[in-house]
PDB file of all heavy atoms in Angstrom:
ATOM      1  N   GLY A   1       0.818  -1.211   0.000  1.00  0.00           N
ATOM      2  CA  GLY A   1       0.000   0.000   0.000  1.00  0.00           C
ATOM      3  C   GLY A   1       0.848   1.255   0.000  1.00  0.00           C
ATOM      4  O   GLY A   1       0.538   2.232  -0.687  1.00  0.00           O
ATOM      5  N   SER A   2       1.965   1.236   0.755  1.00  0.00           N
ATOM      6  CA  SER A   2       2.825   2.418   0.830  1.00  0.00           C
ATOM      7  C   SER A   2       3.486   2.715  -0.512  1.00  0.00           C
ATOM      8  O   SER A   2       3.659   3.865  -0.890  1.00  0.00           O
ATOM      9  CB  SER A   2       3.911   2.209   1.891  1.00  0.00           C
ATOM     10  OG  SER A   2       3.333   2.016   3.162  1.00  0.00           O
ATOM     11  N   SER A   3       3.886   1.665  -1.230  1.00  0.00           N
ATOM     12  CA  SER A   3       4.595   1.870  -2.496  1.00  0.00           C
ATOM     13  C   SER A   3       3.644   2.128  -3.656  1.00  0.00           C
ATOM     14  O   SER A   3       3.987   2.837  -4.602  1.00  0.00           O
ATOM     15  CB  SER A   3       5.471   0.652  -2.816  1.00  0.00           C
ATOM     16  OG  SER A   3       4.660  -0.496  -2.989  1.00  0.00           O
ATOM     17  N   ILE A   4       2.433   1.540  -3.596  1.00  0.00           N
ATOM     18  CA  ILE A   4       1.481   1.732  -4.692  1.00  0.00           C
ATOM     19  C   ILE A   4       0.938   3.148  -4.680  1.00  0.00           C
ATOM     20  O   ILE A   4       1.050   3.881  -5.650  1.00  0.00           O
ATOM     21  CB  ILE A   4       0.320   0.714  -4.587  1.00  0.00           C
ATOM     22  CG1 ILE A   4       0.850  -0.704  -4.816  1.00  0.00           C
ATOM     23  CG2 ILE A   4      -0.790   1.036  -5.566  1.00  0.00           C
ATOM     24  CD1 ILE A   4       1.443  -0.933  -6.178  1.00  0.00           C
ATOM     25  N   SER A   5       0.343   3.577  -3.622  1.00  0.00           N
ATOM     26  CA  SER A   5      -0.180   4.934  -3.434  1.00  0.00           C
ATOM     27  C   SER A   5      -1.298   5.274  -4.427  1.00  0.00           C
ATOM     28  O   SER A   5      -1.517   4.581  -5.419  1.00  0.00           O
ATOM     29  CB  SER A   5       0.925   5.980  -3.518  1.00  0.00           C
ATOM     30  OG  SER A   5       1.246   6.305  -4.858  1.00  0.00           O
ATOM     31  N   GLY A   6      -1.959   6.382  -4.164  1.00  0.00           N
ATOM     32  CA  GLY A   6      -3.033   6.849  -5.033  1.00  0.00           C
ATOM     33  C   GLY A   6      -2.541   7.246  -6.408  1.00  0.00           C
ATOM     34  O   GLY A   6      -3.286   7.208  -7.394  1.00  0.00           O
ATOM     35  N   VAL A   7      -1.261   7.632  -6.508  1.00  0.00           N
ATOM     36  CA  VAL A   7      -0.675   7.999  -7.803  1.00  0.00           C
ATOM     37  C   VAL A   7      -0.723   6.802  -8.740  1.00  0.00           C
ATOM     38  O   VAL A   7      -1.172   6.892  -9.885  1.00  0.00           O
ATOM     39  CB  VAL A   7       0.775   8.503  -7.623  1.00  0.00           C
ATOM     40  CG1 VAL A   7       1.430   8.735  -8.971  1.00  0.00           C
ATOM     41  CG2 VAL A   7       0.793   9.781  -6.809  1.00  0.00           C
ATOM     42  N   THR A   8      -0.224   5.655  -8.275  1.00  0.00           N
ATOM     43  CA  THR A   8      -0.257   4.440  -9.090  1.00  0.00           C
ATOM     44  C   THR A   8      -1.689   4.048  -9.411  1.00  0.00           C
ATOM     45  O   THR A   8      -1.993   3.604 -10.522  1.00  0.00           O
ATOM     46  CB  THR A   8       0.442   3.287  -8.352  1.00  0.00           C
ATOM     47  OG1 THR A   8       1.758   3.701  -7.993  1.00  0.00           O
ATOM     48  CG2 THR A   8       0.519   2.048  -9.206  1.00  0.00           C
ATOM     49  N   PHE A   9      -2.570   4.222  -8.458  1.00  0.00           N
ATOM     50  CA  PHE A   9      -3.959   3.789  -8.601  1.00  0.00           C
ATOM     51  C   PHE A   9      -4.644   4.445  -9.791  1.00  0.00           C
ATOM     52  O   PHE A   9      -5.466   3.815 -10.459  1.00  0.00           O
ATOM     53  CB  PHE A   9      -4.720   4.108  -7.311  1.00  0.00           C
ATOM     54  CG  PHE A   9      -5.846   3.164  -7.026  1.00  0.00           C
ATOM     55  CD1 PHE A   9      -5.601   1.950  -6.401  1.00  0.00           C
ATOM     56  CD2 PHE A   9      -7.142   3.467  -7.377  1.00  0.00           C
ATOM     57  CE1 PHE A   9      -6.640   1.057  -6.127  1.00  0.00           C
ATOM     58  CE2 PHE A   9      -8.183   2.593  -7.108  1.00  0.00           C
ATOM     59  CZ  PHE A   9      -7.929   1.384  -6.488  1.00  0.00           C
ATOM     60  N   VAL A  10      -4.330   5.699 -10.084  1.00  0.00           N
ATOM     61  CA  VAL A  10      -4.977   6.362 -11.219  1.00  0.00           C
ATOM     62  C   VAL A  10      -4.028   6.601 -12.393  1.00  0.00           C
ATOM     63  O   VAL A  10      -4.441   6.573 -13.551  1.00  0.00           O
ATOM     64  CB  VAL A  10      -5.624   7.710 -10.801  1.00  0.00           C
ATOM     65  CG1 VAL A  10      -6.719   7.484  -9.789  1.00  0.00           C
ATOM     66  CG2 VAL A  10      -4.601   8.691 -10.269  1.00  0.00           C
ATOM     67  N   SER A  11      -2.729   6.827 -12.121  1.00  0.00           N
ATOM     68  CA  SER A  11      -1.809   7.195 -13.192  1.00  0.00           C
ATOM     69  C   SER A  11      -1.344   6.013 -14.015  1.00  0.00           C
ATOM     70  O   SER A  11      -1.168   6.130 -15.231  1.00  0.00           O
ATOM     71  CB  SER A  11      -0.593   7.934 -12.618  1.00  0.00           C
ATOM     72  OG  SER A  11      -0.884   9.286 -12.397  1.00  0.00           O
ATOM     73  N   VAL A  12      -1.095   4.859 -13.385  1.00  0.00           N
ATOM     74  CA  VAL A  12      -0.614   3.699 -14.147  1.00  0.00           C
ATOM     75  C   VAL A  12      -1.664   3.209 -15.142  1.00  0.00           C
ATOM     76  O   VAL A  12      -1.357   3.029 -16.327  1.00  0.00           O
ATOM     77  CB  VAL A  12      -0.137   2.573 -13.201  1.00  0.00           C
ATOM     78  CG1 VAL A  12       0.118   1.286 -13.979  1.00  0.00           C
ATOM     79  CG2 VAL A  12       1.130   3.001 -12.481  1.00  0.00           C
ATOM     80  N   PRO A  13      -2.929   3.002 -14.731  1.00  0.00           N
ATOM     81  CA  PRO A  13      -3.934   2.636 -15.749  1.00  0.00           C
ATOM     82  C   PRO A  13      -4.092   3.711 -16.827  1.00  0.00           C
ATOM     83  O   PRO A  13      -4.221   3.395 -18.012  1.00  0.00           O
ATOM     84  CB  PRO A  13      -5.227   2.484 -14.931  1.00  0.00           C
ATOM     85  CG  PRO A  13      -4.775   2.168 -13.553  1.00  0.00           C
ATOM     86  CD  PRO A  13      -3.513   2.966 -13.378  1.00  0.00           C
ATOM     87  N   GLY A  14      -4.073   4.984 -16.437  1.00  0.00           N
ATOM     88  CA  GLY A  14      -4.256   6.064 -17.400  1.00  0.00           C
ATOM     89  C   GLY A  14      -3.114   6.195 -18.385  1.00  0.00           C
ATOM     90  O   GLY A  14      -3.303   6.570 -19.550  1.00  0.00           O
ATOM     91  N   ALA A  15      -1.882   5.865 -17.941  1.00  0.00           N
ATOM     92  CA  ALA A  15      -0.701   6.025 -18.794  1.00  0.00           C
ATOM     93  C   ALA A  15      -0.569   4.928 -19.842  1.00  0.00           C
ATOM     94  O   ALA A  15       0.304   5.008 -20.718  1.00  0.00           O
ATOM     95  CB  ALA A  15       0.558   6.062 -17.924  1.00  0.00           C
ATOM     96  N   VAL A  16      -1.415   3.919 -19.782  1.00  0.00           N
ATOM     97  CA  VAL A  16      -1.334   2.790 -20.716  1.00  0.00           C
ATOM     98  C   VAL A  16      -1.526   3.247 -22.160  1.00  0.00           C
ATOM     99  O   VAL A  16      -0.897   2.717 -23.076  1.00  0.00           O
ATOM    100  CB  VAL A  16      -2.368   1.707 -20.325  1.00  0.00           C
ATOM    101  CG1 VAL A  16      -2.618   0.740 -21.471  1.00  0.00           C
ATOM    102  CG2 VAL A  16      -1.890   0.955 -19.095  1.00  0.00           C
ATOM    103  N   LYS A  17      -2.373   4.231 -22.387  1.00  0.00           N
ATOM    104  CA  LYS A  17      -2.645   4.678 -23.761  1.00  0.00           C
ATOM    105  C   LYS A  17      -1.388   5.235 -24.425  1.00  0.00           C
ATOM    106  O   LYS A  17      -1.109   4.954 -25.587  1.00  0.00           O
ATOM    107  CB  LYS A  17      -3.745   5.738 -23.780  1.00  0.00           C
ATOM    108  CG  LYS A  17      -4.122   6.197 -25.195  1.00  0.00           C
ATOM    109  CD  LYS A  17      -5.319   7.109 -25.196  1.00  0.00           C
ATOM    110  CE  LYS A  17      -5.650   7.604 -26.591  1.00  0.00           C
ATOM    111  NZ  LYS A  17      -5.971   6.510 -27.514  1.00  0.00           N
ATOM    112  N   ALA A  18      -0.608   6.011 -23.702  1.00  0.00           N
ATOM    113  CA  ALA A  18       0.578   6.643 -24.286  1.00  0.00           C
ATOM    114  C   ALA A  18       1.773   5.688 -24.351  1.00  0.00           C
ATOM    115  O   ALA A  18       2.489   5.650 -25.353  1.00  0.00           O
ATOM    116  CB  ALA A  18       0.962   7.883 -23.475  1.00  0.00           C
ATOM    117  N   GLY A  19       1.969   4.902 -23.282  1.00  0.00           N
ATOM    118  CA  GLY A  19       3.180   4.088 -23.217  1.00  0.00           C
ATOM    119  C   GLY A  19       2.968   2.593 -23.142  1.00  0.00           C
ATOM    120  O   GLY A  19       3.929   1.853 -22.920  1.00  0.00           O
ATOM    121  N   GLY A  20       1.725   2.126 -23.352  1.00  0.00           N
ATOM    122  CA  GLY A  20       1.472   0.700 -23.244  1.00  0.00           C
ATOM    123  C   GLY A  20       1.863   0.179 -21.871  1.00  0.00           C
ATOM    124  O   GLY A  20       1.643   0.836 -20.853  1.00  0.00           O
ATOM    125  N   PHE A  21       2.472  -1.004 -21.867  1.00  0.00           N
ATOM    126  CA  PHE A  21       2.926  -1.605 -20.607  1.00  0.00           C
ATOM    127  C   PHE A  21       4.397  -1.283 -20.338  1.00  0.00           C
ATOM    128  O   PHE A  21       5.063  -1.977 -19.574  1.00  0.00           O
ATOM    129  CB  PHE A  21       2.738  -3.129 -20.650  1.00  0.00           C
ATOM    130  CG  PHE A  21       1.328  -3.580 -20.369  1.00  0.00           C
ATOM    131  CD1 PHE A  21       0.248  -2.731 -20.539  1.00  0.00           C
ATOM    132  CD2 PHE A  21       1.061  -4.876 -19.949  1.00  0.00           C
ATOM    133  CE1 PHE A  21      -1.056  -3.142 -20.292  1.00  0.00           C
ATOM    134  CE2 PHE A  21      -0.230  -5.305 -19.689  1.00  0.00           C
ATOM    135  CZ  PHE A  21      -1.294  -4.441 -19.873  1.00  0.00           C
ATOM    136  N   SER A  22       4.920  -0.230 -20.963  1.00  0.00           N
ATOM    137  CA  SER A  22       6.344   0.090 -20.822  1.00  0.00           C
ATOM    138  C   SER A  22       6.738   0.369 -19.375  1.00  0.00           C
ATOM    139  O   SER A  22       7.901   0.195 -19.000  1.00  0.00           O
ATOM    140  CB  SER A  22       6.698   1.305 -21.683  1.00  0.00           C
ATOM    141  OG  SER A  22       5.982   2.461 -21.252  1.00  0.00           O
ATOM    142  N   TYR A  23       5.777   0.795 -18.571  1.00  0.00           N
ATOM    143  CA  TYR A  23       6.067   1.054 -17.156  1.00  0.00           C
ATOM    144  C   TYR A  23       6.600  -0.196 -16.465  1.00  0.00           C
ATOM    145  O   TYR A  23       7.368  -0.107 -15.505  1.00  0.00           O
ATOM    146  CB  TYR A  23       4.794   1.540 -16.458  1.00  0.00           C
ATOM    147  CG  TYR A  23       4.962   1.898 -15.002  1.00  0.00           C
ATOM    148  CD1 TYR A  23       5.749   2.976 -14.608  1.00  0.00           C
ATOM    149  CD2 TYR A  23       4.331   1.157 -14.005  1.00  0.00           C
ATOM    150  CE1 TYR A  23       5.905   3.301 -13.272  1.00  0.00           C
ATOM    151  CE2 TYR A  23       4.469   1.483 -12.662  1.00  0.00           C
ATOM    152  CZ  TYR A  23       5.259   2.553 -12.299  1.00  0.00           C
ATOM    153  OH  TYR A  23       5.416   2.883 -10.985  1.00  0.00           O
ATOM    154  N   TYR A  24       6.261  -1.372 -17.003  1.00  0.00           N
ATOM    155  CA  TYR A  24       6.714  -2.617 -16.387  1.00  0.00           C
ATOM    156  C   TYR A  24       8.210  -2.836 -16.579  1.00  0.00           C
ATOM    157  O   TYR A  24       8.838  -3.566 -15.804  1.00  0.00           O
ATOM    158  CB  TYR A  24       5.933  -3.808 -16.928  1.00  0.00           C
ATOM    159  CG  TYR A  24       5.821  -4.925 -15.918  1.00  0.00           C
ATOM    160  CD1 TYR A  24       5.033  -4.759 -14.780  1.00  0.00           C
ATOM    161  CD2 TYR A  24       6.511  -6.115 -16.064  1.00  0.00           C
ATOM    162  CE1 TYR A  24       4.929  -5.763 -13.823  1.00  0.00           C
ATOM    163  CE2 TYR A  24       6.408  -7.130 -15.126  1.00  0.00           C
ATOM    164  CZ  TYR A  24       5.620  -6.935 -14.001  1.00  0.00           C
ATOM    165  OH  TYR A  24       5.527  -7.926 -13.055  1.00  0.00           O
ATOM    166  N   GLU A  25       8.796  -2.233 -17.605  1.00  0.00           N
ATOM    167  CA  GLU A  25      10.252  -2.287 -17.761  1.00  0.00           C
ATOM    168  C   GLU A  25      10.923  -1.687 -16.532  1.00  0.00           C
ATOM    169  O   GLU A  25      11.908  -2.217 -16.009  1.00  0.00           O
ATOM    170  CB  GLU A  25      10.673  -1.511 -19.010  1.00  0.00           C
ATOM    171  CG  GLU A  25      10.132  -2.060 -20.311  1.00  0.00           C
ATOM    172  CD  GLU A  25      10.446  -1.151 -21.488  1.00  0.00           C
ATOM    173  OE1 GLU A  25      10.341   0.084 -21.334  1.00  0.00           O
ATOM    174  OE2 GLU A  25      10.805  -1.665 -22.560  1.00  0.00           O
ATOM    175  N   LEU A  26      10.382  -0.576 -16.078  1.00  0.00           N
ATOM    176  CA  LEU A  26      10.898   0.072 -14.875  1.00  0.00           C
ATOM    177  C   LEU A  26      10.647  -0.787 -13.644  1.00  0.00           C
ATOM    178  O   LEU A  26      11.504  -0.896 -12.756  1.00  0.00           O
ATOM    179  CB  LEU A  26      10.257   1.452 -14.719  1.00  0.00           C
ATOM    180  CG  LEU A  26      10.755   2.316 -13.566  1.00  0.00           C
ATOM    181  CD1 LEU A  26      10.970   3.755 -14.031  1.00  0.00           C
ATOM    182  CD2 LEU A  26       9.756   2.318 -12.407  1.00  0.00           C
ATOM    183  N   VAL A  27       9.475  -1.432 -13.581  1.00  0.00           N
ATOM    184  CA  VAL A  27       9.133  -2.266 -12.422  1.00  0.00           C
ATOM    185  C   VAL A  27      10.096  -3.450 -12.294  1.00  0.00           C
ATOM    186  O   VAL A  27      10.503  -3.812 -11.184  1.00  0.00           O
ATOM    187  CB  VAL A  27       7.677  -2.767 -12.527  1.00  0.00           C
ATOM    188  CG1 VAL A  27       7.362  -3.792 -11.444  1.00  0.00           C
ATOM    189  CG2 VAL A  27       6.714  -1.591 -12.432  1.00  0.00           C
ATOM    190  N   LEU A  28      10.496  -4.052 -13.412  1.00  0.00           N
ATOM    191  CA  LEU A  28      11.469  -5.143 -13.357  1.00  0.00           C
ATOM    192  C   LEU A  28      12.789  -4.665 -12.764  1.00  0.00           C
ATOM    193  O   LEU A  28      13.445  -5.393 -12.003  1.00  0.00           O
ATOM    194  CB  LEU A  28      11.691  -5.716 -14.762  1.00  0.00           C
ATOM    195  CG  LEU A  28      10.485  -6.414 -15.397  1.00  0.00           C
ATOM    196  CD1 LEU A  28      10.795  -6.799 -16.840  1.00  0.00           C
ATOM    197  CD2 LEU A  28      10.098  -7.653 -14.591  1.00  0.00           C
ATOM    198  N   GLY A  29      13.167  -3.442 -13.100  1.00  0.00           N
ATOM    199  CA  GLY A  29      14.359  -2.859 -12.499  1.00  0.00           C
ATOM    200  C   GLY A  29      14.180  -2.603 -11.011  1.00  0.00           C
ATOM    201  O   GLY A  29      15.116  -2.767 -10.219  1.00  0.00           O
ATOM    202  N   LEU A  30      12.953  -2.228 -10.624  1.00  0.00           N
ATOM    203  CA  LEU A  30      12.675  -2.002  -9.198  1.00  0.00           C
ATOM    204  C   LEU A  30      12.936  -3.265  -8.383  1.00  0.00           C
ATOM    205  O   LEU A  30      13.495  -3.202  -7.280  1.00  0.00           O
ATOM    206  CB  LEU A  30      11.218  -1.568  -9.005  1.00  0.00           C
ATOM    207  CG  LEU A  30      10.792  -0.194  -9.534  1.00  0.00           C
ATOM    208  CD1 LEU A  30       9.304   0.026  -9.283  1.00  0.00           C
ATOM    209  CD2 LEU A  30      11.593   0.925  -8.888  1.00  0.00           C
ATOM    210  N   VAL A  31      12.537  -4.420  -8.924  1.00  0.00           N
ATOM    211  CA  VAL A  31      12.729  -5.687  -8.200  1.00  0.00           C
ATOM    212  C   VAL A  31      14.208  -5.914  -7.910  1.00  0.00           C
ATOM    213  O   VAL A  31      14.598  -6.250  -6.786  1.00  0.00           O
ATOM    214  CB  VAL A  31      12.141  -6.868  -9.008  1.00  0.00           C
ATOM    215  CG1 VAL A  31      12.496  -8.199  -8.346  1.00  0.00           C
ATOM    216  CG2 VAL A  31      10.634  -6.729  -9.132  1.00  0.00           C
ATOM    217  N   VAL A  32      15.043  -5.714  -8.923  1.00  0.00           N
ATOM    218  CA  VAL A  32      16.494  -5.875  -8.743  1.00  0.00           C
ATOM    219  C   VAL A  32      17.011  -4.872  -7.717  1.00  0.00           C
ATOM    220  O   VAL A  32      17.829  -5.204  -6.850  1.00  0.00           O
ATOM    221  CB  VAL A  32      17.231  -5.710 -10.089  1.00  0.00           C
ATOM    222  CG1 VAL A  32      18.739  -5.765  -9.890  1.00  0.00           C
ATOM    223  CG2 VAL A  32      16.790  -6.790 -11.070  1.00  0.00           C
ATOM    224  N   GLY A  33      16.516  -3.645  -7.805  1.00  0.00           N
ATOM    225  CA  GLY A  33      16.935  -2.614  -6.860  1.00  0.00           C
ATOM    226  C   GLY A  33      16.580  -2.974  -5.422  1.00  0.00           C
ATOM    227  O   GLY A  33      17.378  -2.748  -4.500  1.00  0.00           O
ATOM    228  N   TYR A  34      15.390  -3.564  -5.217  1.00  0.00           N
ATOM    229  CA  TYR A  34      14.989  -3.965  -3.861  1.00  0.00           C
ATOM    230  C   TYR A  34      15.924  -5.044  -3.305  1.00  0.00           C
ATOM    231  O   TYR A  34      16.254  -5.053  -2.110  1.00  0.00           O
ATOM    232  CB  TYR A  34      13.548  -4.484  -3.854  1.00  0.00           C
ATOM    233  CG  TYR A  34      12.511  -3.428  -4.160  1.00  0.00           C
ATOM    234  CD1 TYR A  34      11.417  -3.705  -4.975  1.00  0.00           C
ATOM    235  CD2 TYR A  34      12.618  -2.132  -3.638  1.00  0.00           C
ATOM    236  CE1 TYR A  34      10.459  -2.732  -5.257  1.00  0.00           C
ATOM    237  CE2 TYR A  34      11.663  -1.164  -3.915  1.00  0.00           C
ATOM    238  CZ  TYR A  34      10.591  -1.474  -4.733  1.00  0.00           C
ATOM    239  OH  TYR A  34       9.648  -0.509  -5.004  1.00  0.00           O
ATOM    240  N   TRP A  35      16.352  -5.951  -4.153  1.00  0.00           N
ATOM    241  CA  TRP A  35      17.272  -6.999  -3.690  1.00  0.00           C
ATOM    242  C   TRP A  35      18.635  -6.399  -3.318  1.00  0.00           C
ATOM    243  O   TRP A  35      19.283  -6.875  -2.381  1.00  0.00           O
ATOM    244  CB  TRP A  35      17.424  -8.071  -4.777  1.00  0.00           C
ATOM    245  CG  TRP A  35      16.157  -8.849  -5.006  1.00  0.00           C
ATOM    246  CD1 TRP A  35      15.016  -8.801  -4.243  1.00  0.00           C
ATOM    247  CD2 TRP A  35      15.878  -9.771  -6.057  1.00  0.00           C
ATOM    248  NE1 TRP A  35      14.051  -9.632  -4.751  1.00  0.00           N
ATOM    249  CE2 TRP A  35      14.546 -10.246  -5.867  1.00  0.00           C
ATOM    250  CE3 TRP A  35      16.595 -10.254  -7.135  1.00  0.00           C
ATOM    251  CZ2 TRP A  35      13.952 -11.171  -6.718  1.00  0.00           C
ATOM    252  CZ3 TRP A  35      16.015 -11.174  -7.988  1.00  0.00           C
ATOM    253  CH2 TRP A  35      14.711 -11.624  -7.784  1.00  0.00           C
ATOM    254  N   ILE A  36      19.056  -5.382  -4.050  1.00  0.00           N
ATOM    255  CA  ILE A  36      20.303  -4.690  -3.690  1.00  0.00           C
ATOM    256  C   ILE A  36      20.161  -4.041  -2.310  1.00  0.00           C
ATOM    257  O   ILE A  36      21.073  -4.089  -1.477  1.00  0.00           O
ATOM    258  CB  ILE A  36      20.660  -3.635  -4.756  1.00  0.00           C
ATOM    259  CG1 ILE A  36      21.045  -4.322  -6.079  1.00  0.00           C
ATOM    260  CG2 ILE A  36      21.805  -2.736  -4.273  1.00  0.00           C
ATOM    261  CD1 ILE A  36      21.229  -3.355  -7.236  1.00  0.00           C
ATOM    262  N   ILE A  37      19.002  -3.445  -2.072  1.00  0.00           N
ATOM    263  CA  ILE A  37      18.737  -2.832  -0.758  1.00  0.00           C
ATOM    264  C   ILE A  37      18.866  -3.874   0.351  1.00  0.00           C
ATOM    265  O   ILE A  37      19.513  -3.651   1.379  1.00  0.00           O
ATOM    266  CB  ILE A  37      17.329  -2.211  -0.724  1.00  0.00           C
ATOM    267  CG1 ILE A  37      17.244  -1.019  -1.672  1.00  0.00           C
ATOM    268  CG2 ILE A  37      16.958  -1.773   0.697  1.00  0.00           C
ATOM    269  CD1 ILE A  37      15.820  -0.554  -1.939  1.00  0.00           C
ATOM    270  N   ALA A  38      18.238  -5.039   0.131  1.00  0.00           N
ATOM    271  CA  ALA A  38      18.240  -6.086   1.155  1.00  0.00           C
ATOM    272  C   ALA A  38      19.643  -6.595   1.445  1.00  0.00           C
ATOM    273  O   ALA A  38      19.976  -6.879   2.609  1.00  0.00           O
ATOM    274  CB  ALA A  38      17.335  -7.246   0.710  1.00  0.00           C
TER     275      ALA A  38
END
C-alpha cells in the first residue's frame, strides 16, 4: 500500500494509452533494486 499509493492507482492505468505496458520495464528494475537494498 505504501509503495502503490493513489498515484499508481490512477496514473498507471491512465498512462497505458501513451506508453502501453512500458512502465513494467521500470518495475522489473525495481525488483532488482529492492534486492540490492536487502
